[in-house]
């Protein structure tokens, strides 16, 4: 099974076809590859409300239920390099500019 066309979008970094799903554990959004794959470690399903939900395929629950398909998280397959973080010094705000000195 594949996601419906209205769920599909493109990754801003690499341009791959993805869909956003809500995690069943905490309801956060997670990008998922749109193409189902047998190597995937996620199970994706469309609920009655039309939203996509995703859960991890674990040793405790390895089976794929009816209506679910296996997919990979897009973070694992994105071809674009991860965004760079600045390693320089940050400007301090509200911090004393000189070392503190005790008064006599």
N, C-alpha and C. Protein backbone atom coordinates (compact mmCIF):
# COMPACT_ATOMS: atom_id res chain seq x y z
N UNK A 1 0.84 -1.18 0.00
CA UNK A 1 0.00 0.00 0.00
C UNK A 1 0.88 1.24 0.00
N UNK A 2 0.44 2.29 -0.67
CA UNK A 2 1.18 3.53 -0.74
C UNK A 2 0.33 4.65 -0.16
N UNK A 3 0.98 5.74 0.26
CA UNK A 3 0.21 6.87 0.77
C UNK A 3 -0.57 7.55 -0.35
N UNK A 4 -1.68 8.17 0.00
CA UNK A 4 -2.49 8.89 -0.98
C UNK A 4 -1.72 10.11 -1.49
N UNK A 5 -2.06 10.56 -2.67
CA UNK A 5 -1.32 11.66 -3.30
C UNK A 5 -1.39 12.95 -2.49
N UNK A 6 -2.46 13.17 -1.73
CA UNK A 6 -2.56 14.41 -0.97
C UNK A 6 -1.65 14.41 0.26
N UNK A 7 -1.07 13.28 0.61
CA UNK A 7 -0.12 13.21 1.71
C UNK A 7 1.32 13.48 1.25
N UNK A 8 1.57 13.41 -0.04
CA UNK A 8 2.94 13.51 -0.55
C UNK A 8 3.41 14.95 -0.62
N UNK A 9 4.68 15.12 -0.32
CA UNK A 9 5.35 16.41 -0.45
C UNK A 9 6.81 16.12 -0.80
N UNK A 10 7.62 17.14 -0.94
CA UNK A 10 9.04 16.98 -1.27
C UNK A 10 9.90 17.46 -0.12
N UNK A 11 11.03 16.77 0.07
CA UNK A 11 12.01 17.17 1.07
C UNK A 11 12.64 18.49 0.61
N UNK A 12 12.76 19.45 1.51
CA UNK A 12 13.35 20.74 1.15
C UNK A 12 14.84 20.64 0.86
N UNK A 13 15.51 19.67 1.45
CA UNK A 13 16.96 19.57 1.29
C UNK A 13 17.35 18.74 0.08
N UNK A 14 16.71 17.58 -0.14
CA UNK A 14 17.15 16.71 -1.23
C UNK A 14 16.12 16.57 -2.35
N UNK A 15 14.88 16.98 -2.13
CA UNK A 15 13.86 16.91 -3.17
C UNK A 15 13.17 15.57 -3.30
N UNK A 16 13.45 14.62 -2.42
CA UNK A 16 12.83 13.30 -2.49
C UNK A 16 11.36 13.39 -2.08
N UNK A 17 10.58 12.44 -2.55
CA UNK A 17 9.16 12.38 -2.23
C UNK A 17 9.00 11.79 -0.82
N UNK A 18 8.35 12.55 0.06
CA UNK A 18 8.14 12.12 1.44
C UNK A 18 6.69 12.36 1.84
N UNK A 19 6.32 11.84 2.99
CA UNK A 19 5.04 12.19 3.59
C UNK A 19 5.28 12.36 5.09
N UNK A 20 4.47 13.19 5.71
CA UNK A 20 4.60 13.44 7.14
C UNK A 20 3.59 12.59 7.87
N UNK A 21 4.03 11.94 8.93
CA UNK A 21 3.16 11.09 9.74
C UNK A 21 3.32 11.45 11.20
N UNK A 22 2.29 11.21 11.98
CA UNK A 22 2.34 11.44 13.41
C UNK A 22 2.79 10.16 14.11
N UNK A 23 3.70 10.29 15.05
CA UNK A 23 4.16 9.11 15.77
C UNK A 23 3.09 8.66 16.74
N UNK A 24 2.91 7.37 16.85
CA UNK A 24 1.89 6.86 17.76
C UNK A 24 2.33 6.99 19.21
N UNK A 25 3.63 7.12 19.46
CA UNK A 25 4.13 7.22 20.83
C UNK A 25 3.82 8.57 21.46
N UNK A 26 4.09 9.68 20.73
CA UNK A 26 3.92 10.99 21.34
C UNK A 26 3.26 12.03 20.44
N UNK A 27 2.82 11.64 19.26
CA UNK A 27 2.10 12.56 18.38
C UNK A 27 2.96 13.58 17.66
N UNK A 28 4.25 13.39 17.62
CA UNK A 28 5.13 14.32 16.89
C UNK A 28 5.16 13.97 15.42
N UNK A 29 5.44 14.97 14.59
CA UNK A 29 5.52 14.76 13.14
C UNK A 29 6.87 14.15 12.78
N UNK A 30 6.84 13.18 11.87
CA UNK A 30 8.06 12.52 11.42
C UNK A 30 8.01 12.38 9.90
N UNK A 31 9.07 12.79 9.20
CA UNK A 31 9.10 12.58 7.75
C UNK A 31 9.40 11.12 7.43
N UNK A 32 8.65 10.56 6.49
CA UNK A 32 8.77 9.16 6.12
C UNK A 32 8.91 9.10 4.61
N UNK A 33 9.77 8.21 4.10
CA UNK A 33 9.88 8.03 2.65
C UNK A 33 8.54 7.57 2.10
N UNK A 34 8.15 8.12 0.95
CA UNK A 34 6.84 7.81 0.37
C UNK A 34 6.80 6.41 -0.23
N UNK A 35 7.93 5.89 -0.67
CA UNK A 35 7.96 4.56 -1.27
C UNK A 35 8.05 3.49 -0.19
N UNK A 36 7.11 2.56 -0.16
CA UNK A 36 7.21 1.45 0.80
C UNK A 36 8.43 0.58 0.49
N UNK A 37 9.03 0.02 1.53
CA UNK A 37 10.19 -0.85 1.36
C UNK A 37 10.15 -1.94 2.42
N UNK A 38 10.57 -3.12 2.04
CA UNK A 38 10.61 -4.25 2.99
C UNK A 38 11.71 -4.08 4.03
N UNK A 39 12.71 -3.23 3.75
CA UNK A 39 13.79 -3.00 4.70
C UNK A 39 13.42 -1.95 5.75
N UNK A 40 12.24 -1.38 5.65
CA UNK A 40 11.83 -0.31 6.56
C UNK A 40 11.64 -0.78 7.98
N UNK A 41 11.89 0.12 8.91
CA UNK A 41 11.71 -0.21 10.33
C UNK A 41 10.54 0.55 10.94
N UNK A 42 9.67 1.10 10.08
CA UNK A 42 8.47 1.79 10.52
C UNK A 42 7.25 1.17 9.87
N UNK A 43 6.15 1.17 10.58
CA UNK A 43 4.87 0.75 10.03
C UNK A 43 3.99 1.98 9.95
N UNK A 44 3.49 2.29 8.74
CA UNK A 44 2.69 3.48 8.51
C UNK A 44 1.27 3.05 8.17
N UNK A 45 0.29 3.78 8.70
CA UNK A 45 -1.10 3.49 8.37
C UNK A 45 -1.89 4.78 8.31
N UNK A 46 -2.96 4.76 7.53
CA UNK A 46 -3.85 5.90 7.47
C UNK A 46 -5.04 5.60 8.36
N UNK A 47 -5.31 6.49 9.31
CA UNK A 47 -6.39 6.31 10.27
C UNK A 47 -7.72 6.75 9.67
N UNK A 48 -8.78 6.54 10.39
CA UNK A 48 -10.12 6.91 9.94
C UNK A 48 -10.25 8.42 9.76
N UNK A 49 -9.47 9.21 10.53
CA UNK A 49 -9.53 10.66 10.39
C UNK A 49 -8.74 11.17 9.19
N UNK A 50 -8.07 10.28 8.45
CA UNK A 50 -7.32 10.65 7.25
C UNK A 50 -5.86 10.95 7.51
N UNK A 51 -5.45 11.04 8.75
CA UNK A 51 -4.05 11.33 9.07
C UNK A 51 -3.22 10.06 8.99
N UNK A 52 -1.93 10.23 8.69
CA UNK A 52 -1.01 9.10 8.68
C UNK A 52 -0.38 8.97 10.07
N UNK A 53 -0.30 7.74 10.54
CA UNK A 53 0.33 7.46 11.82
C UNK A 53 1.46 6.46 11.60
N UNK A 54 2.52 6.59 12.37
CA UNK A 54 3.68 5.74 12.22
C UNK A 54 4.06 5.16 13.58
N UNK A 55 4.51 3.92 13.55
CA UNK A 55 5.00 3.26 14.76
C UNK A 55 6.26 2.50 14.38
N UNK A 56 7.11 2.24 15.35
CA UNK A 56 8.33 1.49 15.12
C UNK A 56 8.02 0.01 15.05
N UNK A 57 8.68 -0.69 14.13
CA UNK A 57 8.58 -2.15 14.07
C UNK A 57 9.67 -2.68 14.97
N UNK A 58 9.28 -3.33 16.05
CA UNK A 58 10.23 -3.80 17.05
C UNK A 58 10.16 -5.32 17.17
N UNK A 59 11.05 -5.88 17.96
CA UNK A 59 11.02 -7.32 18.20
C UNK A 59 9.74 -7.72 18.94
N UNK A 60 9.22 -6.83 19.77
CA UNK A 60 7.99 -7.13 20.50
C UNK A 60 6.77 -7.09 19.58
N UNK A 61 6.78 -6.21 18.56
CA UNK A 61 5.67 -6.11 17.61
C UNK A 61 6.22 -6.07 16.18
N UNK A 62 6.72 -7.20 15.67
CA UNK A 62 7.33 -7.22 14.35
C UNK A 62 6.34 -7.35 13.19
N UNK A 63 5.10 -7.73 13.48
CA UNK A 63 4.15 -8.00 12.40
C UNK A 63 3.58 -6.69 11.84
N UNK A 64 3.27 -6.74 10.56
CA UNK A 64 2.62 -5.62 9.89
C UNK A 64 1.13 -5.95 9.83
N UNK A 65 0.32 -5.09 10.39
CA UNK A 65 -1.12 -5.31 10.44
C UNK A 65 -1.77 -4.97 9.11
N UNK A 66 -2.99 -5.43 8.88
CA UNK A 66 -3.71 -5.04 7.65
C UNK A 66 -3.89 -3.53 7.58
N UNK A 67 -3.62 -2.96 6.44
CA UNK A 67 -3.73 -1.51 6.26
C UNK A 67 -2.43 -0.77 6.52
N UNK A 68 -1.40 -1.44 7.01
CA UNK A 68 -0.10 -0.80 7.26
C UNK A 68 0.87 -1.16 6.14
N UNK A 69 1.89 -0.33 5.97
CA UNK A 69 2.98 -0.66 5.07
C UNK A 69 4.29 -0.25 5.73
N UNK A 70 5.37 -0.93 5.33
CA UNK A 70 6.71 -0.65 5.87
C UNK A 70 7.32 0.53 5.13
N UNK A 71 7.99 1.37 5.89
CA UNK A 71 8.66 2.54 5.31
C UNK A 71 9.91 2.84 6.12
N UNK A 72 10.76 3.67 5.53
CA UNK A 72 11.98 4.13 6.21
C UNK A 72 11.79 5.58 6.65
N UNK A 73 12.35 5.95 7.80
CA UNK A 73 12.33 7.37 8.17
C UNK A 73 13.21 8.14 7.19
N UNK A 74 12.75 9.31 6.77
CA UNK A 74 13.50 10.03 5.75
C UNK A 74 14.84 10.53 6.26
N UNK A 75 14.98 10.75 7.55
CA UNK A 75 16.26 11.20 8.09
C UNK A 75 17.36 10.17 7.80
N UNK A 76 16.99 8.90 7.70
CA UNK A 76 17.98 7.85 7.46
C UNK A 76 18.37 7.76 5.99
N UNK A 77 17.54 8.26 5.08
CA UNK A 77 17.81 8.10 3.65
C UNK A 77 18.05 9.41 2.91
N UNK A 78 17.97 10.54 3.58
CA UNK A 78 18.14 11.84 2.93
C UNK A 78 19.54 11.95 2.34
N UNK A 79 19.62 12.33 1.09
CA UNK A 79 20.91 12.40 0.39
C UNK A 79 21.64 13.72 0.64
N UNK A 80 20.96 14.72 1.14
CA UNK A 80 21.58 16.01 1.42
C UNK A 80 22.35 15.93 2.74
N UNK A 81 23.46 16.65 2.85
CA UNK A 81 24.20 16.63 4.11
C UNK A 81 23.38 17.30 5.21
N UNK A 82 23.59 16.90 6.44
CA UNK A 82 22.84 17.53 7.54
C UNK A 82 23.22 19.00 7.66
N UNK A 83 22.33 19.83 8.19
CA UNK A 83 22.65 21.26 8.30
C UNK A 83 23.84 21.47 9.23
N UNK A 84 24.66 22.45 8.86
CA UNK A 84 25.86 22.74 9.65
C UNK A 84 25.49 23.56 10.87
N UNK A 85 26.15 23.27 11.94
CA UNK A 85 25.98 24.04 13.16
C UNK A 85 27.20 24.92 13.33
N UNK A 86 26.98 26.15 13.74
CA UNK A 86 28.13 27.04 13.93
C UNK A 86 28.90 26.60 15.16
N UNK A 87 30.21 26.49 14.99
CA UNK A 87 31.05 26.06 16.10
C UNK A 87 31.73 27.21 16.79
N UNK A 88 31.44 28.43 16.34
CA UNK A 88 32.10 29.60 16.91
C UNK A 88 31.50 30.02 18.24
N UNK A 89 32.09 31.06 18.78
CA UNK A 89 31.62 31.59 20.05
C UNK A 89 30.30 32.32 19.84
N UNK A 90 29.38 32.13 20.75
CA UNK A 90 28.13 32.86 20.70
C UNK A 90 28.30 34.17 21.47
N UNK A 91 27.58 35.18 21.04
CA UNK A 91 27.60 36.44 21.75
C UNK A 91 26.89 36.26 23.08
N UNK A 92 27.51 36.69 24.13
CA UNK A 92 26.91 36.54 25.45
C UNK A 92 25.97 37.70 25.72
N UNK A 93 24.91 37.39 26.36
CA UNK A 93 23.95 38.42 26.69
C UNK A 93 23.69 38.38 28.19
N UNK A 94 23.82 39.53 28.83
CA UNK A 94 23.54 39.59 30.26
C UNK A 94 24.65 39.00 31.12
N UNK A 95 25.85 38.89 30.56
CA UNK A 95 26.97 38.33 31.30
C UNK A 95 28.00 39.43 31.51
N UNK A 96 28.61 39.45 32.68
CA UNK A 96 29.61 40.46 32.99
C UNK A 96 30.77 40.35 31.99
N UNK A 97 31.17 41.46 31.32
CA UNK A 97 32.20 41.39 30.29
C UNK A 97 33.62 41.18 30.82
N UNK A 98 33.85 41.44 32.08
CA UNK A 98 35.18 41.26 32.66
C UNK A 98 35.06 40.27 33.81
N UNK A 99 36.15 39.64 34.18
CA UNK A 99 36.08 38.72 35.32
C UNK A 99 35.61 39.43 36.58
N UNK A 100 34.86 38.73 37.38
CA UNK A 100 34.35 39.30 38.61
C UNK A 100 35.48 39.46 39.60
N UNK A 101 35.49 40.59 40.29
CA UNK A 101 36.52 40.85 41.29
C UNK A 101 35.85 41.16 42.63
N UNK A 102 36.39 40.60 43.66
CA UNK A 102 35.84 40.87 44.99
C UNK A 102 36.24 42.27 45.44
N UNK A 103 35.33 42.92 46.13
CA UNK A 103 35.64 44.24 46.67
C UNK A 103 36.39 44.10 47.99
N UNK A 104 37.33 45.02 48.25
CA UNK A 104 38.08 44.94 49.50
C UNK A 104 37.28 45.32 50.70
